[in-house]
Amino acid sequence: MPTLITTPSPDDYSERTFWKKLLTYGQIAGFEVIEKALWLYFAADRPDTPKWAKATVYGALAYFVLPVDAVADILPVVGYSDDLAVLVVALTTIGSYVDAQVKERADQTLTGWFPLKSGIQ
């Protein structure tokens, strides 16, 4: 019997699983993926970000943290390409909430993981 793949929803996201995924797979996922995930995370943390935008963020981050992917994350090079695409679509949708302060918070977090790349904008 085939398995039914469901689309991630904002309810599938948790902050614990987000940070666990970043800490466990951050280097494998790469700078671009982690940077975009952090932009979304910190944009959702803004008090002025509306609920619809937070729902968009949490849906995209749910896709990122869930083990079911369109492209398996263990594949070299392309493994996180689908995650990046989902994160970029969410960023395009809520882009006005990703300001310099959000990017600075993300950059501060990235410094420990990617010291040679952070701060480049």
PDB file of N, CA and C in Angstrom:
ATOM      1  N   MET A   1       0.846  -1.184   0.000  1.00  0.00           N
ATOM      2  CA  MET A   1       0.000   0.000   0.000  1.00  0.00           C
ATOM      3  C   MET A   1       0.890   1.246   0.000  1.00  0.00           C
ATOM      4  N   PRO A   2       0.675   2.169  -0.933  1.00  0.00           N
ATOM      5  CA  PRO A   2       1.505   3.379  -0.985  1.00  0.00           C
ATOM      6  C   PRO A   2       1.258   4.259   0.237  1.00  0.00           C
ATOM      7  N   THR A   3       2.310   4.982   0.624  1.00  0.00           N
ATOM      8  CA  THR A   3       2.158   5.898   1.746  1.00  0.00           C
ATOM      9  C   THR A   3       1.643   7.237   1.248  1.00  0.00           C
ATOM     10  N   LEU A   4       0.884   7.878   2.063  1.00  0.00           N
ATOM     11  CA  LEU A   4       0.324   9.184   1.731  1.00  0.00           C
ATOM     12  C   LEU A   4       1.269  10.251   2.264  1.00  0.00           C
ATOM     13  N   ILE A   5       1.757  11.104   1.389  1.00  0.00           N
ATOM     14  CA  ILE A   5       2.631  12.203   1.802  1.00  0.00           C
ATOM     15  C   ILE A   5       1.768  13.435   1.969  1.00  0.00           C
ATOM     16  N   THR A   6       1.854  14.043   3.140  1.00  0.00           N
ATOM     17  CA  THR A   6       1.059  15.229   3.406  1.00  0.00           C
ATOM     18  C   THR A   6       1.939  16.468   3.307  1.00  0.00           C
ATOM     19  N   THR A   7       1.315  17.571   3.008  1.00  0.00           N
ATOM     20  CA  THR A   7       2.010  18.843   2.950  1.00  0.00           C
ATOM     21  C   THR A   7       2.212  19.350   4.367  1.00  0.00           C
ATOM     22  N   PRO A   8       3.432  19.779   4.709  1.00  0.00           N
ATOM     23  CA  PRO A   8       3.663  20.305   6.054  1.00  0.00           C
ATOM     24  C   PRO A   8       2.783  21.511   6.320  1.00  0.00           C
ATOM     25  N   SER A   9       2.367  21.635   7.546  1.00  0.00           N
ATOM     26  CA  SER A   9       1.570  22.788   7.957  1.00  0.00           C
ATOM     27  C   SER A   9       2.304  23.500   9.084  1.00  0.00           C
ATOM     28  N   PRO A  10       1.892  24.715   9.412  1.00  0.00           N
ATOM     29  CA  PRO A  10       2.522  25.417  10.522  1.00  0.00           C
ATOM     30  C   PRO A  10       2.476  24.616  11.830  1.00  0.00           C
ATOM     31  N   ASP A  11       1.481  23.752  11.984  1.00  0.00           N
ATOM     32  CA  ASP A  11       1.376  22.940  13.197  1.00  0.00           C
ATOM     33  C   ASP A  11       2.483  21.891  13.297  1.00  0.00           C
ATOM     34  N   ASP A  12       3.141  21.581  12.182  1.00  0.00           N
ATOM     35  CA  ASP A  12       4.229  20.598  12.184  1.00  0.00           C
ATOM     36  C   ASP A  12       5.550  21.190  12.673  1.00  0.00           C
ATOM     37  N   TYR A  13       5.593  22.482  12.846  1.00  0.00           N
ATOM     38  CA  TYR A  13       6.815  23.179  13.244  1.00  0.00           C
ATOM     39  C   TYR A  13       6.904  23.258  14.761  1.00  0.00           C
ATOM     40  N   SER A  14       8.109  23.074  15.288  1.00  0.00           N
ATOM     41  CA  SER A  14       8.372  23.400  16.689  1.00  0.00           C
ATOM     42  C   SER A  14       9.757  24.019  16.781  1.00  0.00           C
ATOM     43  N   GLU A  15       9.910  24.919  17.711  1.00  0.00           N
ATOM     44  CA  GLU A  15      11.189  25.591  17.877  1.00  0.00           C
ATOM     45  C   GLU A  15      12.282  24.585  18.241  1.00  0.00           C
ATOM     46  N   ARG A  16      11.957  23.594  19.041  1.00  0.00           N
ATOM     47  CA  ARG A  16      12.928  22.575  19.443  1.00  0.00           C
ATOM     48  C   ARG A  16      13.460  21.813  18.234  1.00  0.00           C
ATOM     49  N   THR A  17      12.555  21.373  17.352  1.00  0.00           N
ATOM     50  CA  THR A  17      13.003  20.622  16.177  1.00  0.00           C
ATOM     51  C   THR A  17      13.767  21.520  15.209  1.00  0.00           C
ATOM     52  N   PHE A  18      13.406  22.790  15.141  1.00  0.00           N
ATOM     53  CA  PHE A  18      14.119  23.732  14.284  1.00  0.00           C
ATOM     54  C   PHE A  18      15.582  23.834  14.706  1.00  0.00           C
ATOM     55  N   TRP A  19      15.822  24.121  15.982  1.00  0.00           N
ATOM     56  CA  TRP A  19      17.196  24.284  16.457  1.00  0.00           C
ATOM     57  C   TRP A  19      17.964  22.968  16.398  1.00  0.00           C
ATOM     58  N   LYS A  20      17.288  21.857  16.653  1.00  0.00           N
ATOM     59  CA  LYS A  20      17.952  20.556  16.557  1.00  0.00           C
ATOM     60  C   LYS A  20      18.428  20.310  15.122  1.00  0.00           C
ATOM     61  N   LYS A  21      17.573  20.606  14.151  1.00  0.00           N
ATOM     62  CA  LYS A  21      17.936  20.415  12.741  1.00  0.00           C
ATOM     63  C   LYS A  21      19.104  21.327  12.368  1.00  0.00           C
ATOM     64  N   LEU A  22      19.044  22.591  12.799  1.00  0.00           N
ATOM     65  CA  LEU A  22      20.130  23.516  12.473  1.00  0.00           C
ATOM     66  C   LEU A  22      21.454  23.052  13.070  1.00  0.00           C
ATOM     67  N   LEU A  23      21.420  22.652  14.326  1.00  0.00           N
ATOM     68  CA  LEU A  23      22.662  22.257  14.990  1.00  0.00           C
ATOM     69  C   LEU A  23      23.207  20.940  14.451  1.00  0.00           C
ATOM     70  N   THR A  24      22.316  20.038  14.071  1.00  0.00           N
ATOM     71  CA  THR A  24      22.743  18.729  13.581  1.00  0.00           C
ATOM     72  C   THR A  24      23.178  18.773  12.124  1.00  0.00           C
ATOM     73  N   TYR A  25      22.448  19.503  11.288  1.00  0.00           N
ATOM     74  CA  TYR A  25      22.676  19.462   9.842  1.00  0.00           C
ATOM     75  C   TYR A  25      23.094  20.793   9.229  1.00  0.00           C
ATOM     76  N   GLY A  26      23.375  21.780  10.059  1.00  0.00           N
ATOM     77  CA  GLY A  26      23.711  23.107   9.546  1.00  0.00           C
ATOM     78  C   GLY A  26      24.850  23.131   8.553  1.00  0.00           C
ATOM     79  N   GLN A  27      25.943  22.472   8.875  1.00  0.00           N
ATOM     80  CA  GLN A  27      27.094  22.463   7.974  1.00  0.00           C
ATOM     81  C   GLN A  27      26.782  21.707   6.686  1.00  0.00           C
ATOM     82  N   ILE A  28      26.003  20.635   6.794  1.00  0.00           N
ATOM     83  CA  ILE A  28      25.640  19.847   5.609  1.00  0.00           C
ATOM     84  C   ILE A  28      24.684  20.640   4.721  1.00  0.00           C
ATOM     85  N   ALA A  29      23.694  21.289   5.331  1.00  0.00           N
ATOM     86  CA  ALA A  29      22.705  22.054   4.569  1.00  0.00           C
ATOM     87  C   ALA A  29      23.365  23.233   3.858  1.00  0.00           C
ATOM     88  N   GLY A  30      24.341  23.843   4.507  1.00  0.00           N
ATOM     89  CA  GLY A  30      25.066  24.944   3.896  1.00  0.00           C
ATOM     90  C   GLY A  30      24.576  26.316   4.310  1.00  0.00           C
ATOM     91  N   PHE A  31      25.425  27.271   4.049  1.00  0.00           N
ATOM     92  CA  PHE A  31      25.196  28.650   4.464  1.00  0.00           C
ATOM     93  C   PHE A  31      23.874  29.214   3.951  1.00  0.00           C
ATOM     94  N   GLU A  32      23.621  29.081   2.648  1.00  0.00           N
ATOM     95  CA  GLU A  32      22.426  29.690   2.051  1.00  0.00           C
ATOM     96  C   GLU A  32      21.134  29.182   2.704  1.00  0.00           C
ATOM     97  N   VAL A  33      21.041  27.889   2.906  1.00  0.00           N
ATOM     98  CA  VAL A  33      19.834  27.298   3.502  1.00  0.00           C
ATOM     99  C   VAL A  33      19.657  27.786   4.933  1.00  0.00           C
ATOM    100  N   ILE A  34      20.729  27.714   5.714  1.00  0.00           N
ATOM    101  CA  ILE A  34      20.643  28.092   7.121  1.00  0.00           C
ATOM    102  C   ILE A  34      20.387  29.582   7.270  1.00  0.00           C
ATOM    103  N   GLU A  35      21.018  30.390   6.444  1.00  0.00           N
ATOM    104  CA  GLU A  35      20.786  31.830   6.488  1.00  0.00           C
ATOM    105  C   GLU A  35      19.309  32.143   6.250  1.00  0.00           C
ATOM    106  N   LYS A  36      18.738  31.554   5.214  1.00  0.00           N
ATOM    107  CA  LYS A  36      17.323  31.825   4.895  1.00  0.00           C
ATOM    108  C   LYS A  36      16.399  31.319   5.995  1.00  0.00           C
ATOM    109  N   ALA A  37      16.717  30.160   6.560  1.00  0.00           N
ATOM    110  CA  ALA A  37      15.905  29.622   7.658  1.00  0.00           C
ATOM    111  C   ALA A  37      15.946  30.558   8.865  1.00  0.00           C
ATOM    112  N   LEU A  38      17.117  31.087   9.162  1.00  0.00           N
ATOM    113  CA  LEU A  38      17.239  32.015  10.288  1.00  0.00           C
ATOM    114  C   LEU A  38      16.535  33.337  10.010  1.00  0.00           C
ATOM    115  N   TRP A  39      16.613  33.830   8.778  1.00  0.00           N
ATOM    116  CA  TRP A  39      15.869  35.053   8.442  1.00  0.00           C
ATOM    117  C   TRP A  39      14.387  34.850   8.729  1.00  0.00           C
ATOM    118  N   LEU A  40      13.859  33.726   8.295  1.00  0.00           N
ATOM    119  CA  LEU A  40      12.450  33.448   8.536  1.00  0.00           C
ATOM    120  C   LEU A  40      12.157  33.331  10.027  1.00  0.00           C
ATOM    121  N   TYR A  41      12.987  32.590  10.718  1.00  0.00           N
ATOM    122  CA  TYR A  41      12.793  32.384  12.158  1.00  0.00           C
ATOM    123  C   TYR A  41      12.759  33.723  12.902  1.00  0.00           C
ATOM    124  N   PHE A  42      13.752  34.570  12.642  1.00  0.00           N
ATOM    125  CA  PHE A  42      13.812  35.849  13.348  1.00  0.00           C
ATOM    126  C   PHE A  42      12.738  36.827  12.866  1.00  0.00           C
ATOM    127  N   ALA A  43      12.316  36.746  11.622  1.00  0.00           N
ATOM    128  CA  ALA A  43      11.201  37.578  11.143  1.00  0.00           C
ATOM    129  C   ALA A  43       9.912  37.195  11.864  1.00  0.00           C
ATOM    130  N   ALA A  44       9.706  35.906  12.082  1.00  0.00           N
ATOM    131  CA  ALA A  44       8.508  35.453  12.799  1.00  0.00           C
ATOM    132  C   ALA A  44       8.550  35.885  14.259  1.00  0.00           C
ATOM    133  N   ASP A  45       9.743  36.115  14.781  1.00  0.00           N
ATOM    134  CA  ASP A  45       9.911  36.524  16.177  1.00  0.00           C
ATOM    135  C   ASP A  45       9.600  38.002  16.395  1.00  0.00           C
ATOM    136  N   ARG A  46       9.506  38.768  15.308  1.00  0.00           N
ATOM    137  CA  ARG A  46       9.189  40.192  15.433  1.00  0.00           C
ATOM    138  C   ARG A  46       7.762  40.356  15.943  1.00  0.00           C
ATOM    139  N   PRO A  47       7.558  41.249  16.894  1.00  0.00           N
ATOM    140  CA  PRO A  47       6.197  41.445  17.412  1.00  0.00           C
ATOM    141  C   PRO A  47       5.230  42.025  16.385  1.00  0.00           C
ATOM    142  N   ASP A  48       5.746  42.743  15.381  1.00  0.00           N
ATOM    143  CA  ASP A  48       4.863  43.355  14.388  1.00  0.00           C
ATOM    144  C   ASP A  48       4.596  42.461  13.177  1.00  0.00           C
ATOM    145  N   THR A  49       5.126  41.253  13.165  1.00  0.00           N
ATOM    146  CA  THR A  49       4.862  40.333  12.060  1.00  0.00           C
ATOM    147  C   THR A  49       3.451  39.772  12.233  1.00  0.00           C
ATOM    148  N   PRO A  50       2.593  39.953  11.240  1.00  0.00           N
ATOM    149  CA  PRO A  50       1.200  39.491  11.373  1.00  0.00           C
ATOM    150  C   PRO A  50       1.094  37.958  11.376  1.00  0.00           C
ATOM    151  N   LYS A  51      -0.036  37.494  11.852  1.00  0.00           N
ATOM    152  CA  LYS A  51      -0.258  36.048  11.981  1.00  0.00           C
ATOM    153  C   LYS A  51      -0.148  35.323  10.647  1.00  0.00           C
ATOM    154  N   TRP A  52      -0.637  35.927   9.559  1.00  0.00           N
ATOM    155  CA  TRP A  52      -0.574  35.247   8.260  1.00  0.00           C
ATOM    156  C   TRP A  52       0.879  35.037   7.838  1.00  0.00           C
ATOM    157  N   ALA A  53       1.742  36.028   8.144  1.00  0.00           N
ATOM    158  CA  ALA A  53       3.155  35.906   7.784  1.00  0.00           C
ATOM    159  C   ALA A  53       3.838  34.860   8.661  1.00  0.00           C
ATOM    160  N   LYS A  54       3.488  34.836   9.942  1.00  0.00           N
ATOM    161  CA  LYS A  54       4.046  33.817  10.833  1.00  0.00           C
ATOM    162  C   LYS A  54       3.612  32.422  10.385  1.00  0.00           C
ATOM    163  N   ALA A  55       2.379  32.277   9.955  1.00  0.00           N
ATOM    164  CA  ALA A  55       1.904  30.982   9.457  1.00  0.00           C
ATOM    165  C   ALA A  55       2.699  30.561   8.224  1.00  0.00           C
ATOM    166  N   THR A  56       3.001  31.515   7.348  1.00  0.00           N
ATOM    167  CA  THR A  56       3.826  31.237   6.175  1.00  0.00           C
ATOM    168  C   THR A  56       5.213  30.764   6.601  1.00  0.00           C
ATOM    169  N   VAL A  57       5.803  31.466   7.552  1.00  0.00           N
ATOM    170  CA  VAL A  57       7.130  31.100   8.051  1.00  0.00           C
ATOM    171  C   VAL A  57       7.107  29.705   8.661  1.00  0.00           C
ATOM    172  N   TYR A  58       6.142  29.459   9.531  1.00  0.00           N
ATOM    173  CA  TYR A  58       6.115  28.171  10.232  1.00  0.00           C
ATOM    174  C   TYR A  58       5.822  27.016   9.281  1.00  0.00           C
ATOM    175  N   GLY A  59       5.069  27.263   8.234  1.00  0.00           N
ATOM    176  CA  GLY A  59       4.847  26.234   7.220  1.00  0.00           C
ATOM    177  C   GLY A  59       6.141  25.894   6.485  1.00  0.00           C
ATOM    178  N   ALA A  60       6.901  26.926   6.117  1.00  0.00           N
ATOM    179  CA  ALA A  60       8.182  26.708   5.426  1.00  0.00           C
ATOM    180  C   ALA A  60       9.190  26.038   6.350  1.00  0.00           C
ATOM    181  N   LEU A  61       9.240  26.474   7.606  1.00  0.00           N
ATOM    182  CA  LEU A  61      10.175  25.864   8.545  1.00  0.00           C
ATOM    183  C   LEU A  61       9.758  24.439   8.893  1.00  0.00           C
ATOM    184  N   ALA A  62       8.461  24.153   8.865  1.00  0.00           N
ATOM    185  CA  ALA A  62       7.994  22.777   9.073  1.00  0.00           C
ATOM    186  C   ALA A  62       8.514  21.885   7.953  1.00  0.00           C
ATOM    187  N   TYR A  63       8.468  22.370   6.733  1.00  0.00           N
ATOM    188  CA  TYR A  63       9.013  21.600   5.605  1.00  0.00           C
ATOM    189  C   TYR A  63      10.497  21.348   5.818  1.00  0.00           C
ATOM    190  N   PHE A  64      11.200  22.349   6.300  1.00  0.00           N
ATOM    191  CA  PHE A  64      12.635  22.234   6.541  1.00  0.00           C
ATOM    192  C   PHE A  64      12.960  21.198   7.620  1.00  0.00           C
ATOM    193  N   VAL A  65      12.190  21.172   8.703  1.00  0.00           N
ATOM    194  CA  VAL A  65      12.528  20.279   9.818  1.00  0.00           C
ATOM    195  C   VAL A  65      11.967  18.871   9.680  1.00  0.00           C
ATOM    196  N   LEU A  66      10.907  18.698   8.892  1.00  0.00           N
ATOM    197  CA  LEU A  66      10.325  17.364   8.770  1.00  0.00           C
ATOM    198  C   LEU A  66      11.229  16.449   7.956  1.00  0.00           C
ATOM    199  N   PRO A  67      11.287  15.187   8.334  1.00  0.00           N
ATOM    200  CA  PRO A  67      12.162  14.254   7.618  1.00  0.00           C
ATOM    201  C   PRO A  67      11.663  13.875   6.229  1.00  0.00           C
ATOM    202  N   VAL A  68      10.398  14.121   5.930  1.00  0.00           N
ATOM    203  CA  VAL A  68       9.855  13.790   4.610  1.00  0.00           C
ATOM    204  C   VAL A  68      10.098  14.980   3.684  1.00  0.00           C
ATOM    205  N   ASP A  69      10.837  14.745   2.603  1.00  0.00           N
ATOM    206  CA  ASP A  69      11.198  15.800   1.656  1.00  0.00           C
ATOM    207  C   ASP A  69      10.939  15.323   0.240  1.00  0.00           C
ATOM    208  N   ALA A  70      10.806  16.267  -0.649  1.00  0.00           N
ATOM    209  CA  ALA A  70      10.704  15.919  -2.066  1.00  0.00           C
ATOM    210  C   ALA A  70      12.031  15.368  -2.564  1.00  0.00           C
ATOM    211  N   VAL A  71      13.128  15.926  -2.057  1.00  0.00           N
ATOM    212  CA  VAL A  71      14.470  15.461  -2.388  1.00  0.00           C
ATOM    213  C   VAL A  71      15.137  15.091  -1.066  1.00  0.00           C
ATOM    214  N   ALA A  72      15.659  13.886  -0.970  1.00  0.00           N
ATOM    215  CA  ALA A  72      16.268  13.423   0.277  1.00  0.00           C
ATOM    216  C   ALA A  72      17.437  14.316   0.677  1.00  0.00           C
ATOM    217  N   ASP A  73      17.441  14.767   1.941  1.00  0.00           N
ATOM    218  CA  ASP A  73      18.474  15.671   2.431  1.00  0.00           C
ATOM    219  C   ASP A  73      19.860  15.030   2.454  1.00  0.00           C
ATOM    220  N   ILE A  74      19.939  13.719   2.395  1.00  0.00           N
ATOM    221  CA  ILE A  74      21.243  13.058   2.450  1.00  0.00           C
ATOM    222  C   ILE A  74      21.970  13.067   1.111  1.00  0.00           C
ATOM    223  N   LEU A  75      21.285  13.455   0.041  1.00  0.00           N
ATOM    224  CA  LEU A  75      21.930  13.495  -1.277  1.00  0.00           C
ATOM    225  C   LEU A  75      22.894  14.671  -1.352  1.00  0.00           C
ATOM    226  N   PRO A  76      24.129  14.426  -1.766  1.00  0.00           N
ATOM    227  CA  PRO A  76      25.088  15.529  -1.879  1.00  0.00           C
ATOM    228  C   PRO A  76      24.619  16.564  -2.895  1.00  0.00           C
ATOM    229  N   VAL A  77      24.917  17.793  -2.630  1.00  0.00           N
ATOM    230  CA  VAL A  77      24.647  18.957  -3.476  1.00  0.00           C
ATOM    231  C   VAL A  77      23.158  19.284  -3.589  1.00  0.00           C
ATOM    232  N   VAL A  78      22.322  18.349  -4.032  1.00  0.00           N
ATOM    233  CA  VAL A  78      20.911  18.650  -4.272  1.00  0.00           C
ATOM    234  C   VAL A  78      20.013  18.364  -3.079  1.00  0.00           C
ATOM    235  N   GLY A  79      20.539  17.757  -2.032  1.00  0.00           N
ATOM    236  CA  GLY A  79      19.730  17.319  -0.905  1.00  0.00           C
ATOM    237  C   GLY A  79      18.893  18.394  -0.247  1.00  0.00           C
ATOM    238  N   TYR A  80      19.412  19.590  -0.170  1.00  0.00           N
ATOM    239  CA  TYR A  80      18.674  20.682   0.482  1.00  0.00           C
ATOM    240  C   TYR A  80      18.144  21.704  -0.523  1.00  0.00           C
ATOM    241  N   SER A  81      18.208  21.399  -1.814  1.00  0.00           N
ATOM    242  CA  SER A  81      17.739  22.354  -2.818  1.00  0.00           C
ATOM    243  C   SER A  81      16.238  22.594  -2.716  1.00  0.00           C
ATOM    244  N   ASP A  82      15.468  21.547  -2.411  1.00  0.00           N
ATOM    245  CA  ASP A  82      14.031  21.740  -2.261  1.00  0.00           C
ATOM    246  C   ASP A  82      13.723  22.559  -1.009  1.00  0.00           C
ATOM    247  N   ASP A  83      14.478  22.334   0.065  1.00  0.00           N
ATOM    248  CA  ASP A  83      14.291  23.124   1.286  1.00  0.00           C
ATOM    249  C   ASP A  83      14.571  24.597   1.000  1.00  0.00           C
ATOM    250  N   LEU A  84      15.670  24.853   0.280  1.00  0.00           N
ATOM    251  CA  LEU A  84      16.018  26.230  -0.065  1.00  0.00           C
ATOM    252  C   LEU A  84      14.921  26.872  -0.898  1.00  0.00           C
ATOM    253  N   ALA A  85      14.373  26.134  -1.841  1.00  0.00           N
ATOM    254  CA  ALA A  85      13.296  26.685  -2.679  1.00  0.00           C
ATOM    255  C   ALA A  85      12.082  27.068  -1.837  1.00  0.00           C
ATOM    256  N   VAL A  86      11.701  26.221  -0.908  1.00  0.00           N
ATOM    257  CA  VAL A  86      10.555  26.509  -0.037  1.00  0.00           C
ATOM    258  C   VAL A  86      10.851  27.732   0.830  1.00  0.00           C
ATOM    259  N   LEU A  87      12.061  27.814   1.367  1.00  0.00           N
ATOM    260  CA  LEU A  87      12.436  28.953   2.205  1.00  0.00           C
ATOM    261  C   LEU A  87      12.430  30.255   1.400  1.00  0.00           C
ATOM    262  N   VAL A  88      12.909  30.209   0.167  1.00  0.00           N
ATOM    263  CA  VAL A  88      12.948  31.408  -0.684  1.00  0.00           C
ATOM    264  C   VAL A  88      11.530  31.872  -1.041  1.00  0.00           C
ATOM    265  N   VAL A  89      10.642  30.943  -1.324  1.00  0.00           N
ATOM    266  CA  VAL A  89       9.245  31.317  -1.608  1.00  0.00           C
ATOM    267  C   VAL A  89       8.636  32.001  -0.389  1.00  0.00           C
ATOM    268  N   ALA A  90       8.881  31.443   0.797  1.00  0.00           N
ATOM    269  CA  ALA A  90       8.359  32.061   2.020  1.00  0.00           C
ATOM    270  C   ALA A  90       8.972  33.447   2.226  1.00  0.00           C
ATOM    271  N   LEU A  91      10.267  33.582   1.963  1.00  0.00           N
ATOM    272  CA  LEU A  91      10.918  34.887   2.098  1.00  0.00           C
ATOM    273  C   LEU A  91      10.343  35.904   1.126  1.00  0.00           C
ATOM    274  N   THR A  92      10.051  35.476  -0.076  1.00  0.00           N
ATOM    275  CA  THR A  92       9.445  36.365  -1.065  1.00  0.00           C
ATOM    276  C   THR A  92       8.074  36.830  -0.581  1.00  0.00           C
ATOM    277  N   THR A  93       7.365  35.941   0.052  1.00  0.00           N
ATOM    278  CA  THR A  93       6.015  36.255   0.536  1.00  0.00           C
ATOM    279  C   THR A  93       6.034  37.210   1.718  1.00  0.00           C
ATOM    280  N   ILE A  94       6.973  37.040   2.636  1.00  0.00           N
ATOM    281  CA  ILE A  94       6.981  37.857   3.856  1.00  0.00           C
ATOM    282  C   ILE A  94       8.177  38.810   3.898  1.00  0.00           C
ATOM    283  N   GLY A  95       8.783  39.069   2.765  1.00  0.00           N
ATOM    284  CA  GLY A  95      10.023  39.835   2.671  1.00  0.00           C
ATOM    285  C   GLY A  95      10.049  41.163   3.393  1.00  0.00           C
ATOM    286  N   SER A  96       8.934  41.828   3.496  1.00  0.00           N
ATOM    287  CA  SER A  96       8.939  43.140   4.151  1.00  0.00           C
ATOM    288  C   SER A  96       9.201  43.040   5.654  1.00  0.00           C
ATOM    289  N   TYR A  97       9.131  41.845   6.217  1.00  0.00           N
ATOM    290  CA  TYR A  97       9.394  41.645   7.646  1.00  0.00           C
ATOM    291  C   TYR A  97      10.828  41.176   7.899  1.00  0.00           C
ATOM    292  N   VAL A  98      11.603  41.020   6.832  1.00  0.00           N
ATOM    293  CA  VAL A  98      13.015  40.644   6.948  1.00  0.00           C
ATOM    294  C   VAL A  98      13.831  41.923   6.765  1.00  0.00           C
ATOM    295  N   ASP A  99      14.021  42.623   7.870  1.00  0.00           N
ATOM    296  CA  ASP A  99      14.729  43.897   7.821  1.00  0.00           C
ATOM    297  C   ASP A  99      16.178  43.719   8.264  1.00  0.00           C
ATOM    298  N   ALA A 100      16.895  44.809   8.382  1.00  0.00           N
ATOM    299  CA  ALA A 100      18.314  44.764   8.758  1.00  0.00           C
ATOM    300  C   ALA A 100      18.514  44.144  10.138  1.00  0.00           C
ATOM    301  N   GLN A 101      17.596  44.397  11.046  1.00  0.00           N
ATOM    302  CA  GLN A 101      17.721  43.831  12.399  1.00  0.00           C
ATOM    303  C   GLN A 101      17.577  42.309  12.359  1.00  0.00           C
ATOM    304  N   VAL A 102      16.654  41.795  11.572  1.00  0.00           N
ATOM    305  CA  VAL A 102      16.476  40.353  11.406  1.00  0.00           C
ATOM    306  C   VAL A 102      17.744  39.741  10.819  1.00  0.00           C
ATOM    307  N   LYS A 103      18.282  40.376   9.788  1.00  0.00           N
ATOM    308  CA  LYS A 103      19.500  39.865   9.148  1.00  0.00           C
ATOM    309  C   LYS A 103      20.695  39.920  10.102  1.00  0.00           C
ATOM    310  N   GLU A 104      20.757  40.941  10.934  1.00  0.00           N
ATOM    311  CA  GLU A 104      21.853  41.047  11.903  1.00  0.00           C
ATOM    312  C   GLU A 104      21.754  39.930  12.948  1.00  0.00           C
ATOM    313  N   ARG A 105      20.566  39.645  13.426  1.00  0.00           N
ATOM    314  CA  ARG A 105      20.390  38.547  14.392  1.00  0.00           C
ATOM    315  C   ARG A 105      20.808  37.218  13.757  1.00  0.00           C
ATOM    316  N   ALA A 106      20.432  37.023  12.510  1.00  0.00           N
ATOM    317  CA  ALA A 106      20.815  35.795  11.810  1.00  0.00           C
ATOM    318  C   ALA A 106      22.327  35.744  11.636  1.00  0.00           C
ATOM    319  N   ASP A 107      22.925  36.862  11.268  1.00  0.00           N
ATOM    320  CA  ASP A 107      24.363  36.907  11.057  1.00  0.00           C
ATOM    321  C   ASP A 107      25.119  36.593  12.343  1.00  0.00           C
ATOM    322  N   GLN A 108      24.645  37.094  13.467  1.00  0.00           N
ATOM    323  CA  GLN A 108      25.283  36.800  14.744  1.00  0.00           C
ATOM    324  C   GLN A 108      25.230  35.301  15.041  1.00  0.00           C
ATOM    325  N   THR A 109      24.126  34.661  14.706  1.00  0.00           N
ATOM    326  CA  THR A 109      23.991  33.222  14.916  1.00  0.00           C
ATOM    327  C   THR A 109      24.889  32.456  13.952  1.00  0.00           C
ATOM    328  N   LEU A 110      24.957  32.913  12.718  1.00  0.00           N
ATOM    329  CA  LEU A 110      25.750  32.235  11.688  1.00  0.00           C
ATOM    330  C   LEU A 110      27.254  32.317  11.923  1.00  0.00           C
ATOM    331  N   THR A 111      27.710  33.328  12.612  1.00  0.00           N
ATOM    332  CA  THR A 111      29.139  33.555  12.792  1.00  0.00           C
ATOM    333  C   THR A 111      29.853  32.324  13.348  1.00  0.00           C
ATOM    334  N   GLY A 112      29.236  31.641  14.296  1.00  0.00           N
ATOM    335  CA  GLY A 112      29.858  30.455  14.871  1.00  0.00           C
ATOM    336  C   GLY A 112      29.917  29.275  13.921  1.00  0.00           C
ATOM    337  N   TRP A 113      28.964  29.187  13.014  1.00  0.00           N
ATOM    338  CA  TRP A 113      28.882  28.042  12.101  1.00  0.00           C
ATOM    339  C   TRP A 113      29.645  28.264  10.802  1.00  0.00           C
ATOM    340  N   PHE A 114      29.602  29.482  10.313  1.00  0.00           N
ATOM    341  CA  PHE A 114      30.233  29.810   9.025  1.00  0.00           C
ATOM    342  C   PHE A 114      31.048  31.090   9.197  1.00  0.00           C
ATOM    343  N   PRO A 115      32.140  31.055   9.961  1.00  0.00           N
ATOM    344  CA  PRO A 115      32.858  32.289  10.282  1.00  0.00           C
ATOM    345  C   PRO A 115      33.403  33.035   9.071  1.00  0.00           C
ATOM    346  N   LEU A 116      33.684  32.370   7.992  1.00  0.00           N
ATOM    347  CA  LEU A 116      34.241  33.056   6.825  1.00  0.00           C
ATOM    348  C   LEU A 116      33.166  33.673   5.931  1.00  0.00           C
ATOM    349  N   LYS A 117      31.926  33.237   6.089  1.00  0.00           N
ATOM    350  CA  LYS A 117      30.865  33.730   5.200  1.00  0.00           C
ATOM    351  C   LYS A 117      29.953  34.745   5.868  1.00  0.00           C
ATOM    352  N   SER A 118      29.775  34.677   7.172  1.00  0.00           N
ATOM    353  CA  SER A 118      28.832  35.581   7.821  1.00  0.00           C
ATOM    354  C   SER A 118      29.345  37.015   7.711  1.00  0.00           C
ATOM    355  N   GLY A 119      28.393  37.927   7.717  1.00  0.00           N
ATOM    356  CA  GLY A 119      28.720  39.335   7.563  1.00  0.00           C
ATOM    357  C   GLY A 119      28.856  39.788   6.126  1.00  0.00           C
ATOM    358  N   ILE A 120      28.704  38.852   5.188  1.00  0.00           N
ATOM    359  CA  ILE A 120      28.792  39.207   3.763  1.00  0.00           C
ATOM    360  C   ILE A 120      27.383  39.442   3.258  1.00  0.00           C
ATOM    361  N   GLN A 121      27.044  40.645   2.924  1.00  0.00           N
ATOM    362  CA  GLN A 121      25.720  40.966   2.400  1.00  0.00           C
ATOM    363  C   GLN A 121      25.870  41.904   1.245  1.00  0.00           C
TER     364      GLN A 121
END
